N, C-alpha and C. Protein backbone atom coordinates (compact mmCIF):
# COMPACT_ATOMS: atom_id res chain seq x y z
N UNK A 1 -30.42 172.68 -61.93
CA UNK A 1 -29.40 173.15 -62.85
C UNK A 1 -29.57 174.64 -63.06
N UNK A 2 -28.61 175.42 -62.59
CA UNK A 2 -28.69 176.87 -62.73
C UNK A 2 -28.38 177.27 -64.16
N UNK A 3 -29.20 178.12 -64.70
CA UNK A 3 -28.97 178.67 -66.04
C UNK A 3 -28.90 180.18 -65.96
N UNK A 4 -27.98 180.75 -66.72
CA UNK A 4 -27.79 182.19 -66.78
C UNK A 4 -27.85 182.60 -68.25
N UNK A 5 -28.77 183.48 -68.57
CA UNK A 5 -28.98 183.85 -69.97
C UNK A 5 -28.96 185.37 -70.12
N UNK A 6 -28.08 185.84 -71.00
CA UNK A 6 -27.99 187.27 -71.29
C UNK A 6 -28.76 187.60 -72.56
N UNK A 7 -29.14 188.86 -72.67
CA UNK A 7 -29.78 189.35 -73.88
C UNK A 7 -29.54 190.85 -73.97
N UNK A 8 -29.78 191.39 -75.17
CA UNK A 8 -29.73 192.83 -75.33
C UNK A 8 -28.53 193.38 -76.07
N UNK A 9 -27.59 192.51 -76.44
CA UNK A 9 -26.44 193.01 -77.17
C UNK A 9 -26.81 193.42 -78.59
N UNK A 10 -25.84 194.01 -79.29
CA UNK A 10 -26.09 194.41 -80.66
C UNK A 10 -25.05 195.39 -81.16
N UNK A 11 -25.38 196.00 -82.29
CA UNK A 11 -24.50 196.97 -82.92
C UNK A 11 -25.06 198.36 -82.69
N UNK A 12 -24.21 199.27 -82.24
CA UNK A 12 -24.64 200.64 -81.98
C UNK A 12 -23.53 201.61 -82.36
N UNK A 13 -23.89 202.80 -82.72
CA UNK A 13 -22.90 203.81 -83.05
C UNK A 13 -22.33 204.42 -81.77
N UNK A 14 -21.13 204.93 -81.88
CA UNK A 14 -20.51 205.61 -80.75
C UNK A 14 -21.42 206.73 -80.25
N UNK A 15 -21.53 206.81 -78.94
CA UNK A 15 -22.42 207.78 -78.33
C UNK A 15 -23.80 207.24 -78.03
N UNK A 16 -24.10 206.08 -78.56
CA UNK A 16 -25.41 205.48 -78.37
C UNK A 16 -25.53 204.72 -77.07
N UNK A 17 -26.67 204.06 -76.90
CA UNK A 17 -26.97 203.34 -75.66
C UNK A 17 -27.48 201.94 -75.96
N UNK A 18 -27.24 201.06 -75.01
CA UNK A 18 -27.78 199.70 -75.02
C UNK A 18 -28.08 199.29 -73.59
N UNK A 19 -29.05 198.41 -73.45
CA UNK A 19 -29.33 197.83 -72.14
C UNK A 19 -29.20 196.32 -72.23
N UNK A 20 -28.33 195.77 -71.42
CA UNK A 20 -28.17 194.32 -71.34
C UNK A 20 -28.99 193.78 -70.18
N UNK A 21 -29.55 192.61 -70.39
CA UNK A 21 -30.33 191.97 -69.33
C UNK A 21 -29.82 190.55 -69.12
N UNK A 22 -29.99 190.07 -67.90
CA UNK A 22 -29.54 188.73 -67.55
C UNK A 22 -30.54 188.14 -66.57
N UNK A 23 -30.92 186.91 -66.81
CA UNK A 23 -31.83 186.22 -65.90
C UNK A 23 -31.20 184.91 -65.46
N UNK A 24 -31.26 184.64 -64.17
CA UNK A 24 -30.75 183.39 -63.61
C UNK A 24 -31.93 182.55 -63.14
N UNK A 25 -31.88 181.27 -63.45
CA UNK A 25 -32.99 180.40 -63.08
C UNK A 25 -32.47 179.03 -62.66
N UNK A 26 -33.36 178.23 -62.13
CA UNK A 26 -33.02 176.85 -61.80
C UNK A 26 -32.40 176.65 -60.43
N UNK A 27 -32.47 177.65 -59.58
CA UNK A 27 -31.86 177.52 -58.24
C UNK A 27 -32.93 177.64 -57.15
N UNK A 28 -32.84 176.77 -56.16
CA UNK A 28 -33.75 176.89 -55.02
C UNK A 28 -33.22 177.90 -54.01
N UNK A 29 -31.97 178.31 -54.19
CA UNK A 29 -31.36 179.32 -53.33
C UNK A 29 -31.31 180.66 -54.04
N UNK A 30 -31.22 181.71 -53.30
CA UNK A 30 -31.12 183.04 -53.88
C UNK A 30 -29.71 183.28 -54.39
N UNK A 31 -29.54 184.41 -55.03
CA UNK A 31 -28.23 184.79 -55.55
C UNK A 31 -27.72 186.02 -54.80
N UNK A 32 -26.49 185.94 -54.35
CA UNK A 32 -25.89 187.06 -53.63
C UNK A 32 -25.40 188.10 -54.63
N UNK A 33 -24.16 187.99 -55.03
CA UNK A 33 -23.60 188.97 -55.95
C UNK A 33 -23.97 188.63 -57.40
N UNK A 34 -24.16 189.67 -58.17
CA UNK A 34 -24.40 189.52 -59.60
C UNK A 34 -23.46 190.50 -60.31
N UNK A 35 -22.95 190.11 -61.44
CA UNK A 35 -21.92 190.94 -62.07
C UNK A 35 -21.95 190.83 -63.58
N UNK A 36 -21.39 191.84 -64.20
CA UNK A 36 -21.16 191.84 -65.65
C UNK A 36 -19.66 191.92 -65.89
N UNK A 37 -19.19 191.05 -66.76
CA UNK A 37 -17.81 191.05 -67.23
C UNK A 37 -17.83 191.31 -68.73
N UNK A 38 -16.68 191.61 -69.27
CA UNK A 38 -16.56 191.70 -70.72
C UNK A 38 -15.20 191.20 -71.16
N UNK A 39 -15.18 190.71 -72.38
CA UNK A 39 -13.93 190.22 -72.96
C UNK A 39 -13.86 190.65 -74.42
N UNK A 40 -12.86 191.46 -74.70
CA UNK A 40 -12.62 191.92 -76.06
C UNK A 40 -11.62 190.98 -76.72
N UNK A 41 -11.62 190.92 -78.06
CA UNK A 41 -10.67 190.04 -78.76
C UNK A 41 -9.23 190.32 -78.35
N UNK A 42 -8.52 189.28 -77.97
CA UNK A 42 -7.11 189.42 -77.61
C UNK A 42 -6.85 190.00 -76.24
N UNK A 43 -7.92 190.22 -75.48
CA UNK A 43 -7.75 190.81 -74.15
C UNK A 43 -8.30 189.87 -73.08
N UNK A 44 -7.86 190.11 -71.86
CA UNK A 44 -8.35 189.31 -70.75
C UNK A 44 -9.76 189.74 -70.36
N UNK A 45 -10.49 188.81 -69.78
CA UNK A 45 -11.81 189.12 -69.28
C UNK A 45 -11.67 190.11 -68.12
N UNK A 46 -12.53 191.12 -68.10
CA UNK A 46 -12.46 192.10 -67.04
C UNK A 46 -13.84 192.33 -66.42
N UNK A 47 -13.82 192.62 -65.13
CA UNK A 47 -15.05 192.95 -64.43
C UNK A 47 -15.50 194.36 -64.83
N UNK A 48 -16.75 194.48 -65.23
CA UNK A 48 -17.30 195.78 -65.61
C UNK A 48 -18.04 196.40 -64.43
N UNK A 49 -18.95 195.64 -63.84
CA UNK A 49 -19.75 196.15 -62.73
C UNK A 49 -20.28 194.97 -61.94
N UNK A 50 -20.50 195.21 -60.65
CA UNK A 50 -21.05 194.18 -59.78
C UNK A 50 -22.02 194.83 -58.82
N UNK A 51 -22.96 194.02 -58.33
CA UNK A 51 -23.96 194.55 -57.41
C UNK A 51 -24.31 193.47 -56.39
N UNK A 52 -24.39 193.87 -55.13
CA UNK A 52 -24.75 192.94 -54.08
C UNK A 52 -26.27 192.80 -54.00
N UNK A 53 -26.71 191.85 -53.22
CA UNK A 53 -28.15 191.66 -53.06
C UNK A 53 -28.80 192.90 -52.42
N UNK A 54 -28.03 193.60 -51.62
CA UNK A 54 -28.53 194.82 -50.97
C UNK A 54 -28.55 196.01 -51.92
N UNK A 55 -27.92 195.86 -53.09
CA UNK A 55 -27.95 196.93 -54.07
C UNK A 55 -26.70 197.79 -54.13
N UNK A 56 -25.67 197.39 -53.41
CA UNK A 56 -24.41 198.14 -53.46
C UNK A 56 -23.68 197.79 -54.75
N UNK A 57 -23.33 198.82 -55.52
CA UNK A 57 -22.73 198.61 -56.84
C UNK A 57 -21.29 199.09 -56.88
N UNK A 58 -20.48 198.40 -57.65
CA UNK A 58 -19.12 198.82 -57.94
C UNK A 58 -18.90 198.78 -59.44
N UNK A 59 -18.02 199.66 -59.91
CA UNK A 59 -17.76 199.79 -61.34
C UNK A 59 -16.27 199.87 -61.61
N UNK A 60 -15.87 199.37 -62.77
CA UNK A 60 -14.50 199.58 -63.18
C UNK A 60 -14.35 201.02 -63.65
N UNK A 61 -13.17 201.57 -63.49
CA UNK A 61 -12.96 202.99 -63.78
C UNK A 61 -13.32 203.37 -65.22
N UNK A 62 -13.09 202.49 -66.16
CA UNK A 62 -13.28 202.81 -67.57
C UNK A 62 -14.73 203.14 -67.93
N UNK A 63 -15.67 202.68 -67.13
CA UNK A 63 -17.09 202.89 -67.47
C UNK A 63 -17.85 203.69 -66.43
N UNK A 64 -17.16 204.17 -65.43
CA UNK A 64 -17.84 204.96 -64.39
C UNK A 64 -18.51 206.19 -64.98
N UNK A 65 -19.74 206.40 -64.58
CA UNK A 65 -20.49 207.54 -65.08
C UNK A 65 -21.21 207.29 -66.39
N UNK A 66 -20.91 206.16 -67.02
CA UNK A 66 -21.56 205.85 -68.30
C UNK A 66 -22.48 204.63 -68.19
N UNK A 67 -22.11 203.69 -67.35
CA UNK A 67 -22.88 202.45 -67.20
C UNK A 67 -23.54 202.42 -65.83
N UNK A 68 -24.71 201.79 -65.76
CA UNK A 68 -25.42 201.63 -64.49
C UNK A 68 -25.90 200.19 -64.36
N UNK A 69 -25.54 199.55 -63.26
CA UNK A 69 -26.00 198.18 -63.00
C UNK A 69 -27.17 198.23 -62.03
N UNK A 70 -28.13 197.35 -62.26
CA UNK A 70 -29.28 197.26 -61.36
C UNK A 70 -29.76 195.81 -61.32
N UNK A 71 -30.58 195.48 -60.34
CA UNK A 71 -31.07 194.10 -60.22
C UNK A 71 -32.47 194.07 -59.64
N UNK A 72 -33.13 192.98 -59.92
CA UNK A 72 -34.45 192.72 -59.35
C UNK A 72 -34.34 191.38 -58.63
N UNK A 73 -34.31 191.40 -57.33
CA UNK A 73 -34.11 190.17 -56.56
C UNK A 73 -35.28 189.20 -56.71
N UNK A 74 -36.46 189.72 -56.84
CA UNK A 74 -37.63 188.85 -56.96
C UNK A 74 -37.62 188.07 -58.28
N UNK A 75 -37.03 188.67 -59.29
CA UNK A 75 -37.01 188.04 -60.62
C UNK A 75 -35.66 187.41 -60.95
N UNK A 76 -34.69 187.56 -60.05
CA UNK A 76 -33.33 187.05 -60.30
C UNK A 76 -32.76 187.59 -61.60
N UNK A 77 -32.92 188.88 -61.80
CA UNK A 77 -32.40 189.51 -63.00
C UNK A 77 -31.40 190.61 -62.63
N UNK A 78 -30.49 190.86 -63.54
CA UNK A 78 -29.55 191.96 -63.41
C UNK A 78 -29.43 192.62 -64.77
N UNK A 79 -29.37 193.94 -64.77
CA UNK A 79 -29.31 194.69 -66.01
C UNK A 79 -28.10 195.61 -66.01
N UNK A 80 -27.68 195.97 -67.20
CA UNK A 80 -26.58 196.92 -67.36
C UNK A 80 -27.00 197.95 -68.39
N UNK A 81 -27.26 199.15 -67.93
CA UNK A 81 -27.60 200.25 -68.81
C UNK A 81 -26.30 200.90 -69.25
N UNK A 82 -26.07 200.92 -70.55
CA UNK A 82 -24.81 201.44 -71.08
C UNK A 82 -25.09 202.67 -71.94
N UNK A 83 -24.60 203.80 -71.52
CA UNK A 83 -24.78 205.06 -72.24
C UNK A 83 -23.43 205.58 -72.72
N UNK A 84 -23.48 206.52 -73.65
CA UNK A 84 -22.26 207.12 -74.19
C UNK A 84 -21.24 206.05 -74.58
N UNK A 85 -21.71 205.08 -75.31
CA UNK A 85 -20.83 203.96 -75.68
C UNK A 85 -19.70 204.42 -76.58
N UNK A 86 -18.56 203.77 -76.40
CA UNK A 86 -17.35 204.07 -77.16
C UNK A 86 -16.88 202.82 -77.89
N UNK A 87 -16.14 202.98 -78.97
CA UNK A 87 -15.63 201.79 -79.69
C UNK A 87 -14.86 200.83 -78.77
N UNK A 88 -14.17 201.35 -77.77
CA UNK A 88 -13.42 200.49 -76.84
C UNK A 88 -14.33 199.65 -75.95
N UNK A 89 -15.63 199.91 -75.97
CA UNK A 89 -16.57 199.09 -75.20
C UNK A 89 -16.95 197.83 -75.96
N UNK A 90 -16.51 197.71 -77.21
CA UNK A 90 -16.81 196.53 -78.01
C UNK A 90 -16.23 195.29 -77.35
N UNK A 91 -17.09 194.31 -77.10
CA UNK A 91 -16.65 193.09 -76.41
C UNK A 91 -17.84 192.14 -76.31
N UNK A 92 -17.55 190.92 -75.89
CA UNK A 92 -18.61 190.01 -75.44
C UNK A 92 -18.84 190.30 -73.97
N UNK A 93 -20.08 190.55 -73.62
CA UNK A 93 -20.43 190.85 -72.24
C UNK A 93 -21.05 189.61 -71.61
N UNK A 94 -20.53 189.24 -70.46
CA UNK A 94 -20.97 188.01 -69.79
C UNK A 94 -21.54 188.35 -68.42
N UNK A 95 -22.60 187.67 -68.10
CA UNK A 95 -23.24 187.82 -66.80
C UNK A 95 -22.78 186.67 -65.89
N UNK A 96 -22.55 187.00 -64.64
CA UNK A 96 -22.16 185.99 -63.67
C UNK A 96 -22.93 186.23 -62.37
N UNK A 97 -23.39 185.16 -61.76
CA UNK A 97 -24.15 185.27 -60.52
C UNK A 97 -23.60 184.28 -59.50
N UNK A 98 -23.61 184.69 -58.25
CA UNK A 98 -23.10 183.81 -57.19
C UNK A 98 -24.26 183.33 -56.32
N UNK A 99 -24.40 182.04 -56.28
CA UNK A 99 -25.48 181.43 -55.54
C UNK A 99 -25.19 181.48 -54.04
N UNK A 100 -26.20 181.82 -53.26
CA UNK A 100 -26.04 181.78 -51.81
C UNK A 100 -25.91 180.33 -51.37
N UNK A 101 -25.48 180.11 -50.20
CA UNK A 101 -25.26 178.78 -49.59
C UNK A 101 -24.02 178.12 -50.19
N UNK A 102 -24.01 177.86 -51.50
CA UNK A 102 -22.85 177.22 -52.12
C UNK A 102 -21.75 178.20 -52.47
N UNK A 103 -22.11 179.48 -52.64
CA UNK A 103 -21.17 180.53 -53.07
C UNK A 103 -20.50 180.18 -54.40
N UNK A 104 -21.19 179.41 -55.21
CA UNK A 104 -20.70 179.06 -56.54
C UNK A 104 -21.10 180.13 -57.53
N UNK A 105 -20.16 180.49 -58.42
CA UNK A 105 -20.45 181.43 -59.50
C UNK A 105 -20.92 180.66 -60.73
N UNK A 106 -21.97 181.17 -61.34
CA UNK A 106 -22.48 180.60 -62.58
C UNK A 106 -22.40 181.66 -63.67
N UNK A 107 -22.12 181.20 -64.89
CA UNK A 107 -21.87 182.11 -66.01
C UNK A 107 -22.84 181.88 -67.15
N UNK A 108 -23.15 182.98 -67.84
CA UNK A 108 -23.88 182.88 -69.08
C UNK A 108 -22.93 182.71 -70.24
N UNK A 109 -23.51 182.60 -71.44
CA UNK A 109 -22.70 182.40 -72.65
C UNK A 109 -22.18 183.71 -73.22
N UNK A 110 -22.80 184.79 -72.83
CA UNK A 110 -22.34 186.10 -73.29
C UNK A 110 -23.20 186.65 -74.42
N UNK A 111 -23.14 187.97 -74.56
CA UNK A 111 -23.83 188.66 -75.64
C UNK A 111 -22.88 189.69 -76.24
N UNK A 112 -22.86 189.76 -77.56
CA UNK A 112 -21.91 190.62 -78.25
C UNK A 112 -22.40 192.06 -78.29
N UNK A 113 -21.52 192.97 -77.93
CA UNK A 113 -21.77 194.40 -78.07
C UNK A 113 -20.70 194.97 -79.00
N UNK A 114 -21.14 195.60 -80.06
CA UNK A 114 -20.23 196.20 -81.02
C UNK A 114 -20.56 197.67 -81.16
N UNK A 115 -19.56 198.52 -80.94
CA UNK A 115 -19.75 199.97 -81.04
C UNK A 115 -18.93 200.47 -82.21
N UNK A 116 -19.60 201.04 -83.18
CA UNK A 116 -18.92 201.55 -84.37
C UNK A 116 -18.57 203.02 -84.20
N UNK A 117 -17.47 203.40 -84.82
CA UNK A 117 -17.03 204.81 -84.70
C UNK A 117 -17.60 205.66 -85.80
C-alpha cells in the first residue's frame, strides 16, 4: 500500500520562505515523476512543479524563480523550497508521485500554506 505524506506547511508573512517535504513509502517499485500541486479555495487544482527521476524540473510560470523542487531517489522524498512567498500562494499543497511499472499516480492528503499580507 503506497502512502504519500506531506509536511512543512504553515503560516508565513509575505516575502517569507517555507520548505515542503513529501515522502512516499510502501512500494517495491521506484517512483518516476514526483510533483507538487496546489489548490486554493474556489479554484482548480494546478500543477506547481514536477521533477523526473533524472532530476529534470518544470515549473508553472507563476512561481518560476521563487520555488525550487528537488528529490532524493534513495529516500523517495521530494521537497519544494518556496521563497518570496506571496498571498496568492495561499493554498493546500499536495504531493503526487508516479510509480514505475504501474505508472499509477498516488496522492498525499495535502498541507496548508497560508501567506499573510
